[in-house]
C-alpha atoms as a PDB file:
ATOM      1  CA  MET A   1     -18.502 -13.261  39.512  1.00  0.00           C
ATOM      2  CA  VAL A   2     -21.099 -15.149  37.502  1.00  0.00           C
ATOM      3  CA  ALA A   3     -20.221 -15.470  33.851  1.00  0.00           C
ATOM      4  CA  LEU A   4     -22.270 -13.308  31.524  1.00  0.00           C
ATOM      5  CA  PHE A   5     -24.356 -15.046  28.844  1.00  0.00           C
ATOM      6  CA  ILE A   6     -25.237 -13.130  25.684  1.00  0.00           C
ATOM      7  CA  ALA A   7     -27.254 -14.819  22.945  1.00  0.00           C
ATOM      8  CA  ILE A   8     -27.004 -13.798  19.299  1.00  0.00           C
ATOM      9  CA  TYR A   9     -28.529 -15.735  16.429  1.00  0.00           C
ATOM     10  CA  SER A  10     -28.214 -15.989  12.666  1.00  0.00           C
ATOM     11  CA  GLN A  11     -29.760 -18.368  10.156  1.00  0.00           C
ATOM     12  CA  CYS A  12     -26.779 -19.547   8.146  1.00  0.00           C
ATOM     13  CA  SER A  13     -25.032 -22.337  10.076  1.00  0.00           C
ATOM     14  CA  LYS A  14     -25.869 -25.639  11.707  1.00  0.00           C
ATOM     15  CA  LEU A  15     -23.142 -25.329  14.343  1.00  0.00           C
ATOM     16  CA  ASP A  16     -23.354 -23.166  17.455  1.00  0.00           C
ATOM     17  CA  TYR A  17     -20.105 -21.888  18.864  1.00  0.00           C
ATOM     18  CA  VAL A  18     -19.042 -19.970  21.936  1.00  0.00           C
ATOM     19  CA  GLN A  19     -16.492 -17.219  22.314  1.00  0.00           C
ATOM     20  CA  LEU A  20     -14.880 -16.549  25.684  1.00  0.00           C
ATOM     21  CA  ALA A  21     -13.576 -13.071  26.497  1.00  0.00           C
ATOM     22  CA  HIS A  22     -12.430 -11.214  29.576  1.00  0.00           C
ATOM     23  CA  THR A  23     -15.316  -9.252  31.122  1.00  0.00           C
ATOM     24  CA  SER A  24     -12.885  -6.495  32.069  1.00  0.00           C
ATOM     25  CA  CYS A  25     -13.337  -4.878  28.679  1.00  0.00           C
ATOM     26  CA  THR A  26     -16.494  -3.486  27.126  1.00  0.00           C
ATOM     27  CA  GLU A  27     -17.941  -5.863  24.553  1.00  0.00           C
ATOM     28  CA  ARG A  28     -18.610  -4.622  21.052  1.00  0.00           C
ATOM     29  CA  ILE A  29     -20.932  -7.101  19.383  1.00  0.00           C
ATOM     30  CA  ARG A  30     -22.010  -7.136  15.767  1.00  0.00           C
ATOM     31  CA  GLY A  31     -24.885  -9.346  14.691  1.00  0.00           C
ATOM     32  CA  GLY A  32     -25.166 -11.383  11.524  1.00  0.00           C
ATOM     33  CA  ASP A  33     -22.332 -13.636  10.504  1.00  0.00           C
ATOM     34  CA  ASN A  34     -19.684 -12.607  12.999  1.00  0.00           C
ATOM     35  CA  THR A  35     -19.171 -11.542  16.603  1.00  0.00           C
ATOM     36  CA  TYR A  36     -16.441  -9.334  18.003  1.00  0.00           C
ATOM     37  CA  GLY A  37     -15.256  -8.628  21.514  1.00  0.00           C
ATOM     38  CA  CYS A  38     -12.806  -5.846  22.403  1.00  0.00           C
ATOM     39  CA  GLY A  39     -10.445  -6.308  19.494  1.00  0.00           C
ATOM     40  CA  THR A  40      -9.504  -3.723  16.883  1.00  0.00           C
ATOM     41  CA  ASP A  41      -9.429  -3.804  13.094  1.00  0.00           C
ATOM     42  CA  GLY A  42     -12.023  -6.557  12.971  1.00  0.00           C
ATOM     43  CA  VAL A  43      -9.907  -9.013  14.960  1.00  0.00           C
ATOM     44  CA  PRO A  44     -11.946 -10.677  17.699  1.00  0.00           C
ATOM     45  CA  SER A  45     -10.489 -10.492  21.187  1.00  0.00           C
ATOM     46  CA  PRO A  46     -11.907 -13.733  22.666  1.00  0.00           C
ATOM     47  CA  GLN A  47      -9.199 -16.280  23.367  1.00  0.00           C
ATOM     48  CA  LYS A  48     -11.219 -19.405  22.629  1.00  0.00           C
ATOM     49  CA  ILE A  49     -13.975 -20.556  20.296  1.00  0.00           C
ATOM     50  CA  LEU A  50     -15.919 -23.577  21.526  1.00  0.00           C
ATOM     51  CA  HIS A  51     -19.007 -25.561  20.840  1.00  0.00           C
ATOM     52  CA  LYS A  52     -21.631 -24.241  23.228  1.00  0.00           C
ATOM     53  CA  ARG A  53     -22.335 -27.611  24.872  1.00  0.00           C
ATOM     54  CA  SER A  54     -18.908 -27.648  26.536  1.00  0.00           C
ATOM     55  CA  ALA A  55     -18.343 -23.976  27.390  1.00  0.00           C
ATOM     56  CA  GLU A  56     -19.246 -24.306  31.058  1.00  0.00           C
ATOM     57  CA  ALA A  57     -17.000 -27.367  31.470  1.00  0.00           C
ATOM     58  CA  PHE A  58     -14.176 -25.496  29.760  1.00  0.00           C
ATOM     59  CA  LEU A  59     -14.537 -22.549  32.127  1.00  0.00           C
ATOM     60  CA  ARG A  60     -14.514 -24.794  35.165  1.00  0.00           C
ATOM     61  CA  ALA A  61     -11.500 -26.776  33.993  1.00  0.00           C
ATOM     62  CA  GLU A  62      -9.227 -24.105  32.570  1.00  0.00           C
ATOM     63  CA  PHE A  63     -10.200 -20.582  33.564  1.00  0.00           C
ATOM     64  CA  THR A  64     -11.468 -20.663  37.144  1.00  0.00           C
ATOM     65  CA  PRO A  65     -11.078 -18.385  39.064  1.00  0.00           C
ATOM     66  CA  HIS A  66     -10.706 -15.885  36.215  1.00  0.00           C
ATOM     67  CA  THR A  67     -13.816 -14.048  35.097  1.00  0.00           C
ATOM     68  CA  PHE A  68     -14.856 -14.540  31.511  1.00  0.00           C
ATOM     69  CA  SER A  69     -17.966 -13.714  29.570  1.00  0.00           C
ATOM     70  CA  ILE A  70     -19.553 -16.283  27.279  1.00  0.00           C
ATOM     71  CA  VAL A  71     -20.891 -15.051  23.967  1.00  0.00           C
ATOM     72  CA  TYR A  72     -23.232 -17.536  22.310  1.00  0.00           C
ATOM     73  CA  THR A  73     -23.477 -17.128  18.563  1.00  0.00           C
ATOM     74  CA  THR A  74     -23.884 -19.004  15.307  1.00  0.00           C
ATOM     75  CA  PHE A  75     -21.296 -18.287  12.624  1.00  0.00           C
ATOM     76  CA  CYS A  76     -21.667 -18.499   8.862  1.00  0.00           C
ATOM     77  CA  THR A  77     -17.881 -18.616   8.862  1.00  0.00           C
ATOM     78  CA  ARG A  78     -15.857 -18.896  12.040  1.00  0.00           C
ATOM     79  CA  PRO A  79     -13.486 -15.937  12.513  1.00  0.00           C
ATOM     80  CA  VAL A  80      -9.752 -16.399  12.841  1.00  0.00           C
ATOM     81  CA  SER A  81      -9.010 -16.376  16.552  1.00  0.00           C
ATOM     82  CA  ALA A  82      -6.274 -17.315  18.977  1.00  0.00           C
ATOM     83  CA  GLY A  83      -5.620 -21.034  18.633  1.00  0.00           C
ATOM     84  CA  TYR A  84      -6.416 -21.074  14.911  1.00  0.00           C
ATOM     85  CA  ARG A  85      -4.372 -20.837  11.735  1.00  0.00           C
ATOM     86  CA  TYR A  86      -5.854 -19.455   8.551  1.00  0.00           C
ATOM     87  CA  LEU A  87      -5.928 -22.084   5.802  1.00  0.00           C
ATOM     88  CA  GLY A  88      -7.717 -20.709   2.751  1.00  0.00           C
ATOM     89  CA  ASP A  89     -11.378 -20.615   3.677  1.00  0.00           C
ATOM     90  CA  LYS A  90     -10.837 -23.043   6.580  1.00  0.00           C
ATOM     91  CA  HIS A  91      -9.635 -22.703  10.138  1.00  0.00           C
ATOM     92  CA  MET A  92      -7.189 -25.129  11.642  1.00  0.00           C
ATOM     93  CA  ALA A  93      -6.286 -25.633  15.291  1.00  0.00           C
ATOM     94  CA  GLU A  94      -2.737 -24.915  16.377  1.00  0.00           C
ATOM     95  CA  HIS A  95      -0.879 -28.174  16.912  1.00  0.00           C
ATOM     96  CA  LYS A  96       0.747 -28.864  20.266  1.00  0.00           C
ATOM     97  CA  ALA A  97       3.414 -31.398  21.194  1.00  0.00           C
ATOM     98  CA  TRP A  98       2.880 -34.018  23.861  1.00  0.00           C
ATOM     99  CA  ASN A  99       4.105 -33.179  27.335  1.00  0.00           C
ATOM    100  CA  TRP A 100       6.453 -36.136  27.741  1.00  0.00           C
ATOM    101  CA  ASP A 101       7.213 -35.192  31.340  1.00  0.00           C
ATOM    102  CA  LYS A 102       3.697 -36.439  32.169  1.00  0.00           C
ATOM    103  CA  ALA A 103       3.807 -39.616  30.076  1.00  0.00           C
ATOM    104  CA  ASP A 104       4.585 -43.187  31.086  1.00  0.00           C
ATOM    105  CA  LYS A 105       7.756 -43.573  29.042  1.00  0.00           C
ATOM    106  CA  THR A 106       7.959 -47.332  29.665  1.00  0.00           C
ATOM    107  CA  LYS A 107       4.830 -47.931  27.580  1.00  0.00           C
ATOM    108  CA  TRP A 108       5.931 -45.569  24.803  1.00  0.00           C
ATOM    109  CA  ASN A 109       9.338 -47.199  24.407  1.00  0.00           C
ATOM    110  CA  GLU A 110       7.870 -50.570  23.400  1.00  0.00           C
ATOM    111  CA  PRO A 111       6.821 -51.092  19.738  1.00  0.00           C
ATOM    112  CA  ALA A 112       3.116 -51.688  19.125  1.00  0.00           C
ATOM    113  CA  PRO A 113       2.388 -55.343  18.210  1.00  0.00           C
ATOM    114  CA  ILE A 114       1.277 -54.365  14.695  1.00  0.00           C
ATOM    115  CA  ALA A 115       4.817 -53.152  13.962  1.00  0.00           C
ATOM    116  CA  TYR A 116       6.118 -56.734  13.883  1.00  0.00           C
ATOM    117  CA  TYR A 117       3.571 -57.746  11.238  1.00  0.00           C
ATOM    118  CA  LEU A 118       4.171 -54.630   9.149  1.00  0.00           C
ATOM    119  CA  ALA A 119       7.946 -55.110   9.180  1.00  0.00           C
ATOM    120  CA  GLN A 120       7.529 -58.606   7.728  1.00  0.00           C
ATOM    121  CA  ARG A 121       4.900 -57.472   5.223  1.00  0.00           C
ATOM    122  CA  TRP A 122       6.896 -54.516   3.956  1.00  0.00           C
ATOM    123  CA  GLN A 123      10.166 -56.443   3.783  1.00  0.00           C
ATOM    124  CA  ALA A 124       8.437 -59.085   1.648  1.00  0.00           C
ATOM    125  CA  LYS A 125       7.168 -56.346  -0.674  1.00  0.00           C
ATOM    126  CA  GLY A 126      10.575 -54.694  -0.926  1.00  0.00           C
ATOM    127  CA  LEU A 127       9.408 -51.502   0.768  1.00  0.00           C
ATOM    128  CA  LYS A 128      12.507 -50.203   2.520  1.00  0.00           C
ATOM    129  CA  GLN A 129      12.227 -46.408   2.848  1.00  0.00           C
ATOM    130  CA  PHE A 130      10.205 -46.093   6.069  1.00  0.00           C
ATOM    131  CA  PHE A 131       8.620 -42.915   7.462  1.00  0.00           C
ATOM    132  CA  ASP A 132       7.707 -42.771  11.159  1.00  0.00           C
ATOM    133  CA  LEU A 133       5.272 -39.845  11.257  1.00  0.00           C
ATOM    134  CA  GLY A 134       4.782 -38.592  14.807  1.00  0.00           C
ATOM    135  CA  CYS A 135       7.535 -40.832  16.107  1.00  0.00           C
ATOM    136  CA  GLY A 136       7.488 -39.554  19.691  1.00  0.00           C
ATOM    137  CA  LEU A 137      10.369 -41.140  21.623  1.00  0.00           C
ATOM    138  CA  GLY A 138      11.218 -43.227  18.569  1.00  0.00           C
ATOM    139  CA  ARG A 139      10.125 -46.725  19.556  1.00  0.00           C
ATOM    140  CA  HIS A 140       9.051 -47.640  16.015  1.00  0.00           C
ATOM    141  CA  SER A 141      11.922 -45.802  14.327  1.00  0.00           C
ATOM    142  CA  LEU A 142      14.411 -47.843  16.340  1.00  0.00           C
ATOM    143  CA  PHE A 143      12.543 -51.093  15.705  1.00  0.00           C
ATOM    144  CA  PHE A 144      12.276 -50.640  11.930  1.00  0.00           C
ATOM    145  CA  ALA A 145      15.907 -49.498  11.682  1.00  0.00           C
ATOM    146  CA  ARG A 146      17.003 -52.671  13.475  1.00  0.00           C
ATOM    147  CA  GLU A 147      14.922 -54.621  10.965  1.00  0.00           C
ATOM    148  CA  GLY A 148      16.974 -53.132   8.134  1.00  0.00           C
ATOM    149  CA  PHE A 149      14.759 -50.270   6.985  1.00  0.00           C
ATOM    150  CA  SER A 150      16.068 -46.824   6.080  1.00  0.00           C
ATOM    151  CA  VAL A 151      14.138 -44.640   8.535  1.00  0.00           C
ATOM    152  CA  ASP A 152      12.994 -41.038   8.606  1.00  0.00           C
ATOM    153  CA  ALA A 153      11.628 -40.024  12.019  1.00  0.00           C
ATOM    154  CA  PHE A 154       9.511 -36.903  12.419  1.00  0.00           C
ATOM    155  CA  ASP A 155       7.801 -35.305  15.407  1.00  0.00           C
ATOM    156  CA  LEU A 156       6.633 -31.961  16.769  1.00  0.00           C
ATOM    157  CA  SER A 157       8.396 -32.462  20.108  1.00  0.00           C
ATOM    158  CA  ALA A 158      12.063 -31.488  19.952  1.00  0.00           C
ATOM    159  CA  SER A 159      12.690 -32.802  23.465  1.00  0.00           C
ATOM    160  CA  ALA A 160      11.344 -36.261  22.572  1.00  0.00           C
ATOM    161  CA  LEU A 161      13.682 -36.511  19.594  1.00  0.00           C
ATOM    162  CA  GLU A 162      16.945 -35.843  21.442  1.00  0.00           C
ATOM    163  CA  PRO A 163      17.183 -39.337  23.017  1.00  0.00           C
ATOM    164  CA  LEU A 164      16.313 -40.882  19.652  1.00  0.00           C
ATOM    165  CA  ARG A 165      19.107 -38.989  17.914  1.00  0.00           C
ATOM    166  CA  ALA A 166      21.540 -40.054  20.611  1.00  0.00           C
ATOM    167  CA  GLU A 167      20.596 -43.739  20.460  1.00  0.00           C
ATOM    168  CA  ALA A 168      20.613 -43.813  16.671  1.00  0.00           C
ATOM    169  CA  ALA A 169      24.119 -42.346  16.653  1.00  0.00           C
ATOM    170  CA  ASP A 170      25.339 -44.648  19.431  1.00  0.00           C
ATOM    171  CA  LYS A 171      23.972 -47.800  17.740  1.00  0.00           C
ATOM    172  CA  LYS A 172      24.883 -46.544  14.242  1.00  0.00           C
ATOM    173  CA  LEU A 173      21.297 -46.995  13.051  1.00  0.00           C
ATOM    174  CA  ASN A 174      20.094 -45.608   9.730  1.00  0.00           C
ATOM    175  CA  ILE A 175      17.681 -43.017  11.148  1.00  0.00           C
ATOM    176  CA  SER A 176      17.285 -39.420   9.978  1.00  0.00           C
ATOM    177  CA  VAL A 177      15.486 -37.252  12.552  1.00  0.00           C
ATOM    178  CA  ARG A 178      13.585 -34.009  11.939  1.00  0.00           C
ATOM    179  CA  THR A 179      11.345 -31.755  14.006  1.00  0.00           C
ATOM    180  CA  GLY A 180       8.267 -30.063  12.565  1.00  0.00           C
ATOM    181  CA  ASP A 181       4.516 -29.919  12.078  1.00  0.00           C
ATOM    182  CA  MET A 182       2.761 -32.696  10.167  1.00  0.00           C
ATOM    183  CA  ILE A 183       0.626 -30.242   8.181  1.00  0.00           C
ATOM    184  CA  LEU A 184       3.726 -29.277   6.175  1.00  0.00           C
ATOM    185  CA  LEU A 185       6.176 -32.149   5.836  1.00  0.00           C
ATOM    186  CA  PRO A 186       9.738 -31.118   4.840  1.00  0.00           C
ATOM    187  CA  TYR A 187      10.126 -33.963   2.346  1.00  0.00           C
ATOM    188  CA  LYS A 188       9.950 -34.193  -1.431  1.00  0.00           C
ATOM    189  CA  ASP A 189       7.110 -35.880  -3.288  1.00  0.00           C
ATOM    190  CA  ASP A 190       7.358 -39.683  -3.400  1.00  0.00           C
ATOM    191  CA  SER A 191       9.984 -39.854  -0.660  1.00  0.00           C
ATOM    192  CA  PHE A 192       8.773 -43.000   1.108  1.00  0.00           C
ATOM    193  CA  ASP A 193       7.844 -46.599   0.371  1.00  0.00           C
ATOM    194  CA  CYS A 194       5.890 -47.037   3.597  1.00  0.00           C
ATOM    195  CA  LEU A 195       4.543 -44.821   6.362  1.00  0.00           C
ATOM    196  CA  PHE A 196       3.552 -45.531   9.950  1.00  0.00           C
ATOM    197  CA  ALA A 197       1.533 -43.037  12.019  1.00  0.00           C
ATOM    198  CA  TYR A 198       0.398 -44.601  15.278  1.00  0.00           C
ATOM    199  CA  HIS A 199      -1.953 -42.511  17.453  1.00  0.00           C
ATOM    200  CA  VAL A 200      -0.740 -39.227  16.000  1.00  0.00           C
ATOM    201  CA  ILE A 201      -2.626 -37.805  13.004  1.00  0.00           C
ATOM    202  CA  SER A 202      -5.787 -37.405  15.087  1.00  0.00           C
ATOM    203  CA  HIS A 203      -4.051 -34.605  17.010  1.00  0.00           C
ATOM    204  CA  THR A 204      -5.691 -31.913  14.896  1.00  0.00           C
ATOM    205  CA  ASP A 205      -9.150 -30.761  13.774  1.00  0.00           C
ATOM    206  CA  THR A 206     -11.237 -31.440  10.646  1.00  0.00           C
ATOM    207  CA  ALA A 207      -9.343 -28.994   8.421  1.00  0.00           C
ATOM    208  CA  GLY A 208      -6.062 -30.277   9.794  1.00  0.00           C
ATOM    209  CA  ILE A 209      -6.728 -33.971   9.144  1.00  0.00           C
ATOM    210  CA  LYS A 210      -7.451 -33.215   5.493  1.00  0.00           C
ATOM    211  CA  LYS A 211      -4.170 -31.330   5.146  1.00  0.00           C
ATOM    212  CA  ILE A 212      -2.206 -34.049   6.957  1.00  0.00           C
ATOM    213  CA  LEU A 213      -3.617 -36.806   4.753  1.00  0.00           C
ATOM    214  CA  SER A 214      -2.833 -34.766   1.638  1.00  0.00           C
ATOM    215  CA  GLU A 215       0.787 -34.540   2.841  1.00  0.00           C
ATOM    216  CA  ILE A 216       0.844 -38.293   3.448  1.00  0.00           C
ATOM    217  CA  LYS A 217      -0.448 -38.940  -0.072  1.00  0.00           C
ATOM    218  CA  ARG A 218       2.125 -36.534  -1.490  1.00  0.00           C
ATOM    219  CA  THR A 219       5.162 -38.026   0.235  1.00  0.00           C
ATOM    220  CA  VAL A 220       4.341 -41.749  -0.082  1.00  0.00           C
ATOM    221  CA  LYS A 221       5.127 -43.286  -3.465  1.00  0.00           C
ATOM    222  CA  SER A 222       2.438 -44.658  -5.738  1.00  0.00           C
ATOM    223  CA  GLY A 223       1.959 -48.269  -4.708  1.00  0.00           C
ATOM    224  CA  GLY A 224       3.519 -47.563  -1.330  1.00  0.00           C
ATOM    225  CA  GLU A 225       1.650 -48.478   1.834  1.00  0.00           C
ATOM    226  CA  LEU A 226       0.631 -46.611   4.955  1.00  0.00           C
ATOM    227  CA  TYR A 227      -0.653 -47.625   8.350  1.00  0.00           C
ATOM    228  CA  VAL A 228      -2.475 -44.978  10.386  1.00  0.00           C
ATOM    229  CA  THR A 229      -4.803 -44.833  13.361  1.00  0.00           C
ATOM    230  CA  LEU A 230      -7.685 -42.467  14.017  1.00  0.00           C
ATOM    231  CA  CYS A 231      -9.696 -41.748  17.140  1.00  0.00           C
ATOM    232  CA  SER A 232     -13.275 -43.059  16.936  1.00  0.00           C
ATOM    233  CA  LYS A 233     -16.446 -41.172  17.795  1.00  0.00           C
ATOM    234  CA  ASN A 234     -17.392 -44.165  19.946  1.00  0.00           C
ATOM    235  CA  ALA A 235     -14.784 -43.022  22.458  1.00  0.00           C
ATOM    236  CA  TRP A 236     -15.810 -41.674  25.860  1.00  0.00           C
ATOM    237  CA  SER A 237     -13.619 -38.611  25.329  1.00  0.00           C
ATOM    238  CA  TYR A 238     -15.779 -37.613  22.348  1.00  0.00           C
ATOM    239  CA  LYS A 239     -19.246 -38.731  23.464  1.00  0.00           C
ATOM    240  CA  GLU A 240     -19.355 -38.111  27.193  1.00  0.00           C
ATOM    241  CA  ALA A 241     -16.326 -36.286  28.599  1.00  0.00           C
ATOM    242  CA  GLY A 242     -17.642 -32.787  27.879  1.00  0.00           C
ATOM    243  CA  PHE A 243     -14.293 -31.612  26.536  1.00  0.00           C
ATOM    244  CA  PRO A 244     -14.332 -28.290  24.601  1.00  0.00           C
ATOM    245  CA  ALA A 245     -15.298 -28.821  20.959  1.00  0.00           C
ATOM    246  CA  LEU A 246     -13.714 -26.992  18.036  1.00  0.00           C
ATOM    247  CA  ASP A 247     -15.942 -28.442  15.330  1.00  0.00           C
ATOM    248  CA  GLU A 248     -18.360 -31.324  14.849  1.00  0.00           C
ATOM    249  CA  ASN A 249     -15.498 -33.857  14.806  1.00  0.00           C
ATOM    250  CA  THR A 250     -12.958 -32.305  17.179  1.00  0.00           C
ATOM    251  CA  VAL A 251     -12.509 -31.759  20.914  1.00  0.00           C
ATOM    252  CA  ILE A 252      -9.621 -30.422  22.986  1.00  0.00           C
ATOM    253  CA  LYS A 253      -8.611 -32.671  25.836  1.00  0.00           C
ATOM    254  CA  VAL A 254      -8.617 -30.763  29.119  1.00  0.00           C
ATOM    255  CA  GLU A 255      -7.127 -33.106  31.689  1.00  0.00           C
ATOM    256  CA  ASP A 256      -3.955 -33.666  33.669  1.00  0.00           C
ATOM    257  CA  GLY A 257      -1.661 -35.651  31.413  1.00  0.00           C
ATOM    258  CA  PRO A 258       0.558 -35.503  28.322  1.00  0.00           C
ATOM    259  CA  GLU A 259      -2.339 -34.576  25.989  1.00  0.00           C
ATOM    260  CA  ASN A 260      -3.746 -31.633  27.942  1.00  0.00           C
ATOM    261  CA  GLY A 261      -4.711 -28.871  25.525  1.00  0.00           C
ATOM    262  CA  ILE A 262      -4.223 -31.007  22.408  1.00  0.00           C
ATOM    263  CA  PRO A 263      -7.021 -31.146  19.803  1.00  0.00           C
ATOM    264  CA  HIS A 264      -8.330 -34.585  18.842  1.00  0.00           C
ATOM    265  CA  PHE A 265     -10.151 -35.335  15.598  1.00  0.00           C
ATOM    266  CA  PHE A 266     -12.661 -38.217  15.798  1.00  0.00           C
ATOM    267  CA  ALA A 267     -13.639 -40.296  12.781  1.00  0.00           C
ATOM    268  CA  ASP A 268     -16.651 -42.425  11.945  1.00  0.00           C
ATOM    269  CA  ALA A 269     -17.740 -44.734   9.141  1.00  0.00           C
ATOM    270  CA  GLU A 270     -19.227 -41.771   7.262  1.00  0.00           C
ATOM    271  CA  ASN A 271     -16.170 -39.514   7.027  1.00  0.00           C
ATOM    272  CA  ILE A 272     -13.412 -42.118   6.535  1.00  0.00           C
ATOM    273  CA  PRO A 273     -14.128 -42.840   2.805  1.00  0.00           C
ATOM    274  CA  ALA A 274     -13.875 -39.161   1.858  1.00  0.00           C
ATOM    275  CA  LEU A 275     -10.754 -38.632   3.952  1.00  0.00           C
ATOM    276  CA  PHE A 276      -9.028 -41.603   2.311  1.00  0.00           C
ATOM    277  CA  GLU A 277      -9.914 -40.763  -1.271  1.00  0.00           C
ATOM    278  CA  GLY A 278      -6.940 -41.776  -3.401  1.00  0.00           C
ATOM    279  CA  ILE A 279      -5.936 -44.489  -0.945  1.00  0.00           C
ATOM    280  CA  ARG A 280      -7.018 -48.102  -1.434  1.00  0.00           C
ATOM    281  CA  ILE A 281      -7.989 -49.390   1.984  1.00  0.00           C
ATOM    282  CA  ILE A 282      -6.547 -52.881   2.392  1.00  0.00           C
ATOM    283  CA  ASP A 283      -7.630 -53.447   5.971  1.00  0.00           C
ATOM    284  CA  LEU A 284      -9.773 -51.384   8.335  1.00  0.00           C
ATOM    285  CA  GLN A 285     -10.465 -52.328  11.936  1.00  0.00           C
ATOM    286  CA  HIS A 286     -12.638 -50.549  14.479  1.00  0.00           C
ATOM    287  CA  THR A 287     -11.401 -51.648  17.876  1.00  0.00           C
ATOM    288  CA  GLN A 288     -12.193 -51.003  21.512  1.00  0.00           C
ATOM    289  CA  GLU A 289      -9.268 -51.293  23.900  1.00  0.00           C
ATOM    290  CA  ILE A 290     -11.017 -52.426  27.076  1.00  0.00           C
ATOM    291  CA  ILE A 291      -7.986 -53.104  29.281  1.00  0.00           C
ATOM    292  CA  ALA A 292      -4.534 -51.587  28.764  1.00  0.00           C
ATOM    293  CA  ASP A 293      -1.529 -52.404  30.941  1.00  0.00           C
ATOM    294  CA  GLY A 294      -3.845 -54.240  33.341  1.00  0.00           C
ATOM    295  CA  LYS A 295      -6.117 -51.235  33.824  1.00  0.00           C
ATOM    296  CA  GLU A 296      -9.613 -50.473  32.490  1.00  0.00           C
ATOM    297  CA  TYR A 297      -9.301 -48.172  29.510  1.00  0.00           C
ATOM    298  CA  GLY A 298     -12.254 -48.222  27.116  1.00  0.00           C
ATOM    299  CA  SER A 299     -10.702 -46.392  24.169  1.00  0.00           C
ATOM    300  CA  TRP A 300     -11.917 -46.766  20.559  1.00  0.00           C
ATOM    301  CA  HIS A 301      -9.739 -46.370  17.455  1.00  0.00           C
ATOM    302  CA  TYR A 302      -9.734 -47.082  13.738  1.00  0.00           C
ATOM    303  CA  PHE A 303      -6.663 -48.968  12.451  1.00  0.00           C
ATOM    304  CA  ILE A 304      -6.182 -48.527   8.712  1.00  0.00           C
ATOM    305  CA  LEU A 305      -3.755 -50.166   6.291  1.00  0.00           C
ATOM    306  CA  GLY A 306      -3.827 -48.684   2.821  1.00  0.00           C
ATOM    307  CA  GLU A 307      -2.080 -48.432  -0.506  1.00  0.00           C
ATOM    308  CA  ASN A 308      -1.359 -44.994  -1.947  1.00  0.00           C
ATOM    309  CA  LEU A 309      -2.737 -44.595  -5.461  1.00  0.00           C
ATOM    310  CA  LYS A 310      -1.492 -41.848  -7.761  1.00  0.00           C
ATOM    311  CA  SER A 311      -2.694 -41.127 -11.263  1.00  0.00           C
END
């Protein structure tokens, strides 16, 4: 069945979004600043909210052969819907762990080259309490522990952390391992001297990245340092892939692989200064990875080294 297109307009927002709902129920649509499907008590029934430019691609990739209707609308404020958490007056995408069964574990067990430089830098500065945020399989946790750091490893994937726990215990390495979501870190203020978050904090949307960075600022000591990476808007996956968009900076990857269904926030030179308010940027690189592991890749990222400043 051909998807049904319904257009509704309002004058209060610059962003056009799409709601997808099963056509098996009778739509109840209210104009103005909100749009409802078949829900009750003012809760919209559509399962997804997308930017309109990628709705058709999303249907083809995820929902075929199911029949959905597409409701085009412009929201003053996006409603809370499946896939969102309520965060004050913001909406934040649900975070999802990597599917490690579909990842090349060989690559993700080798420390990134920057880790060797940072270990030397932070040892020279006397920064010993190391936080591996989004540690995955633990490649950097293991490396920094071997270099003499006291390590806290944290990730959303419980299955990824089990081998790390086992190896840390077997090798008697100083690594404490916890599972959880990076929007609410289970650590006290000023817990860490240095923090490393490699290809992880972008796995959220615009509201989420602000919350994550506030947690980083809270848990890293004043004068402590952090090294983080962010996806760049120069990337193919943002500019050309046609992935479903959650907001002006965020898409959900819809592809066969470990990141399928995971939101990705993309930064640019305009939004980085505001995001890193309270952090002195020591070094910022904007890099294209053209070939990775001998294969064409073409990914763009920001690599940021900063010092946490607290009043």
